[in-house]
Amino acid sequence: MVETPREHLVVLASEQADAAVADIEAMASVTQLLRPRLLLVLADPDVREGIRRTPGVLGVYDTAPDGEPFGLSLEEQLFVDAWVARHAPKTRPGEGSNWDTPGFEPPDIPGR
């Protein structure tokens, strides 16, 4: 059975980041990049292991890393938090309700 590639967060060492990004781009599809240390990649398990062995890679995650092992900056933490939030279930007030449900306003009538 072939496993579908999944998105992973890759954390890099700053001093080796440029070389590591080039090596990773040769192995996997990079979907987002926050220079110099963070990137998101689509990878299957074999490619993920190759990325882990790349010089300059501190970690490869399919969920948020526990704690703050890498001393992420505020901007880097925001990047990670946004990535995690994309996978959280969405809840919307009134989802699935009728348009005239009490407590909600119906949409405007077109042309008025």
C-alpha atoms as a PDB file:
ATOM      1  CA  MET A   1       0.000   0.000   0.000  1.00  0.00           C
ATOM      2  CA  VAL A   2       1.371   3.404  -1.029  1.00  0.00           C
ATOM      3  CA  GLU A   3       0.957   6.082   1.602  1.00  0.00           C
ATOM      4  CA  THR A   4      -0.273   9.501   0.467  1.00  0.00           C
ATOM      5  CA  PRO A   5       2.237  12.307   1.080  1.00  0.00           C
ATOM      6  CA  ARG A   6       1.427  14.387   4.150  1.00  0.00           C
ATOM      7  CA  GLU A   7       2.403  17.903   5.083  1.00  0.00           C
ATOM      8  CA  HIS A   8       5.229  18.194   7.612  1.00  0.00           C
ATOM      9  CA  LEU A   9       6.837  21.069   9.471  1.00  0.00           C
ATOM     10  CA  VAL A  10      10.628  21.127   9.130  1.00  0.00           C
ATOM     11  CA  VAL A  11      12.767  23.099  11.604  1.00  0.00           C
ATOM     12  CA  LEU A  12      16.299  23.986  10.489  1.00  0.00           C
ATOM     13  CA  ALA A  13      19.475  25.178  12.176  1.00  0.00           C
ATOM     14  CA  SER A  14      19.964  28.826  11.114  1.00  0.00           C
ATOM     15  CA  GLU A  15      23.620  28.419  10.145  1.00  0.00           C
ATOM     16  CA  GLN A  16      22.857  25.529   7.743  1.00  0.00           C
ATOM     17  CA  ALA A  17      19.413  26.622   6.584  1.00  0.00           C
ATOM     18  CA  ASP A  18      20.187  27.684   2.995  1.00  0.00           C
ATOM     19  CA  ALA A  19      21.974  24.438   2.130  1.00  0.00           C
ATOM     20  CA  ALA A  20      19.315  22.368   3.891  1.00  0.00           C
ATOM     21  CA  VAL A  21      16.469  24.085   2.005  1.00  0.00           C
ATOM     22  CA  ALA A  22      18.195  23.355  -1.318  1.00  0.00           C
ATOM     23  CA  ASP A  23      18.644  19.676  -0.357  1.00  0.00           C
ATOM     24  CA  ILE A  24      15.031  19.380   0.827  1.00  0.00           C
ATOM     25  CA  GLU A  25      13.651  21.033  -2.323  1.00  0.00           C
ATOM     26  CA  ALA A  26      15.392  18.295  -4.322  1.00  0.00           C
ATOM     27  CA  MET A  27      13.522  15.612  -2.298  1.00  0.00           C
ATOM     28  CA  ALA A  28      10.080  17.041  -1.577  1.00  0.00           C
ATOM     29  CA  SER A  29       7.550  19.665  -2.570  1.00  0.00           C
ATOM     30  CA  VAL A  30       7.967  22.750  -0.364  1.00  0.00           C
ATOM     31  CA  THR A  31       4.535  24.317   0.172  1.00  0.00           C
ATOM     32  CA  GLN A  32       5.556  27.217   2.443  1.00  0.00           C
ATOM     33  CA  LEU A  33       8.796  28.703   3.686  1.00  0.00           C
ATOM     34  CA  LEU A  34       9.589  31.121   6.497  1.00  0.00           C
ATOM     35  CA  ARG A  35      13.268  31.896   6.138  1.00  0.00           C
ATOM     36  CA  PRO A  36      15.595  31.049   7.544  1.00  0.00           C
ATOM     37  CA  ARG A  37      14.405  28.147   9.720  1.00  0.00           C
ATOM     38  CA  LEU A  38      10.893  26.880   8.958  1.00  0.00           C
ATOM     39  CA  LEU A  39       9.287  25.188   6.005  1.00  0.00           C
ATOM     40  CA  LEU A  40       6.312  23.007   5.208  1.00  0.00           C
ATOM     41  CA  VAL A  41       6.807  20.062   2.860  1.00  0.00           C
ATOM     42  CA  LEU A  42       4.663  17.332   1.334  1.00  0.00           C
ATOM     43  CA  ALA A  43       6.411  14.019   1.922  1.00  0.00           C
ATOM     44  CA  ASP A  44       5.713  10.317   2.224  1.00  0.00           C
ATOM     45  CA  PRO A  45       7.425   8.311   5.023  1.00  0.00           C
ATOM     46  CA  ASP A  46      10.545   7.441   2.984  1.00  0.00           C
ATOM     47  CA  VAL A  47      11.112  11.042   1.916  1.00  0.00           C
ATOM     48  CA  ARG A  48      10.419  12.244   5.465  1.00  0.00           C
ATOM     49  CA  GLU A  49      13.236  10.016   6.724  1.00  0.00           C
ATOM     50  CA  GLY A  50      15.549  11.418   4.044  1.00  0.00           C
ATOM     51  CA  ILE A  51      14.695  14.938   5.173  1.00  0.00           C
ATOM     52  CA  ARG A  52      15.407  13.996   8.817  1.00  0.00           C
ATOM     53  CA  ARG A  53      18.906  12.859   7.813  1.00  0.00           C
ATOM     54  CA  THR A  54      19.665  16.100   5.939  1.00  0.00           C
ATOM     55  CA  PRO A  55      22.440  18.150   7.590  1.00  0.00           C
ATOM     56  CA  GLY A  56      20.945  21.188   9.293  1.00  0.00           C
ATOM     57  CA  VAL A  57      17.527  19.634   9.974  1.00  0.00           C
ATOM     58  CA  LEU A  58      16.638  19.849  13.666  1.00  0.00           C
ATOM     59  CA  GLY A  59      13.237  18.176  13.391  1.00  0.00           C
ATOM     60  CA  VAL A  60      10.437  17.003  11.088  1.00  0.00           C
ATOM     61  CA  TYR A  61       6.907  17.050  12.516  1.00  0.00           C
ATOM     62  CA  ASP A  62       3.413  16.097  11.389  1.00  0.00           C
ATOM     63  CA  THR A  63       1.969  17.808  14.484  1.00  0.00           C
ATOM     64  CA  ALA A  64       3.189  20.827  16.449  1.00  0.00           C
ATOM     65  CA  PRO A  65       6.476  20.266  18.285  1.00  0.00           C
ATOM     66  CA  ASP A  66       6.065  19.957  22.052  1.00  0.00           C
ATOM     67  CA  GLY A  67       7.141  22.968  24.069  1.00  0.00           C
ATOM     68  CA  GLU A  68       9.716  25.337  22.647  1.00  0.00           C
ATOM     69  CA  PRO A  69      12.743  23.130  22.007  1.00  0.00           C
ATOM     70  CA  PHE A  70      14.144  25.394  19.296  1.00  0.00           C
ATOM     71  CA  GLY A  71      13.634  28.847  20.822  1.00  0.00           C
ATOM     72  CA  LEU A  72      11.232  29.951  18.098  1.00  0.00           C
ATOM     73  CA  SER A  73      10.842  33.669  17.554  1.00  0.00           C
ATOM     74  CA  LEU A  74       7.387  35.230  17.847  1.00  0.00           C
ATOM     75  CA  GLU A  75       7.077  35.245  14.033  1.00  0.00           C
ATOM     76  CA  GLU A  76       8.141  31.583  13.817  1.00  0.00           C
ATOM     77  CA  GLN A  77       5.706  30.572  16.553  1.00  0.00           C
ATOM     78  CA  LEU A  78       2.905  32.369  14.700  1.00  0.00           C
ATOM     79  CA  PHE A  79       3.818  30.388  11.543  1.00  0.00           C
ATOM     80  CA  VAL A  80       3.640  27.109  13.493  1.00  0.00           C
ATOM     81  CA  ASP A  81       0.382  28.103  15.231  1.00  0.00           C
ATOM     82  CA  ALA A  82      -1.228  28.996  11.881  1.00  0.00           C
ATOM     83  CA  TRP A  83      -0.149  25.644  10.418  1.00  0.00           C
ATOM     84  CA  VAL A  84      -1.657  23.797  13.391  1.00  0.00           C
ATOM     85  CA  ALA A  85      -4.885  25.851  13.200  1.00  0.00           C
ATOM     86  CA  ARG A  86      -5.400  24.844   9.553  1.00  0.00           C
ATOM     87  CA  HIS A  87      -5.954  21.267  10.698  1.00  0.00           C
ATOM     88  CA  ALA A  88      -8.292  22.095  13.597  1.00  0.00           C
ATOM     89  CA  PRO A  89     -11.997  21.382  13.089  1.00  0.00           C
ATOM     90  CA  LYS A  90     -13.914  24.468  12.051  1.00  0.00           C
ATOM     91  CA  THR A  91     -17.043  25.583  13.874  1.00  0.00           C
ATOM     92  CA  ARG A  92     -19.245  28.362  12.560  1.00  0.00           C
ATOM     93  CA  PRO A  93     -22.175  29.914  14.430  1.00  0.00           C
ATOM     94  CA  GLY A  94     -25.418  28.759  12.857  1.00  0.00           C
ATOM     95  CA  GLU A  95     -23.763  26.190  10.582  1.00  0.00           C
ATOM     96  CA  GLY A  96     -26.524  24.121   8.979  1.00  0.00           C
ATOM     97  CA  SER A  97     -29.350  26.253  10.405  1.00  0.00           C
ATOM     98  CA  ASN A  98     -32.215  27.693   8.375  1.00  0.00           C
ATOM     99  CA  TRP A  99     -31.741  31.245   7.132  1.00  0.00           C
ATOM    100  CA  ASP A 100     -34.492  32.544   9.392  1.00  0.00           C
ATOM    101  CA  THR A 101     -33.312  30.831  12.588  1.00  0.00           C
ATOM    102  CA  PRO A 102     -33.990  33.068  15.634  1.00  0.00           C
ATOM    103  CA  GLY A 103     -30.922  35.024  16.663  1.00  0.00           C
ATOM    104  CA  PHE A 104     -29.555  35.331  13.117  1.00  0.00           C
ATOM    105  CA  GLU A 105     -30.287  37.871  10.408  1.00  0.00           C
ATOM    106  CA  PRO A 106     -31.368  36.654   6.972  1.00  0.00           C
ATOM    107  CA  PRO A 107     -29.215  37.768   4.023  1.00  0.00           C
ATOM    108  CA  ASP A 108     -30.060  41.027   2.242  1.00  0.00           C
ATOM    109  CA  ILE A 109     -32.458  40.795  -0.675  1.00  0.00           C
ATOM    110  CA  PRO A 110     -30.537  41.334  -3.927  1.00  0.00           C
ATOM    111  CA  GLY A 111     -31.050  44.759  -5.526  1.00  0.00           C
ATOM    112  CA  ARG A 112     -32.119  46.574  -2.358  1.00  0.00           C
END
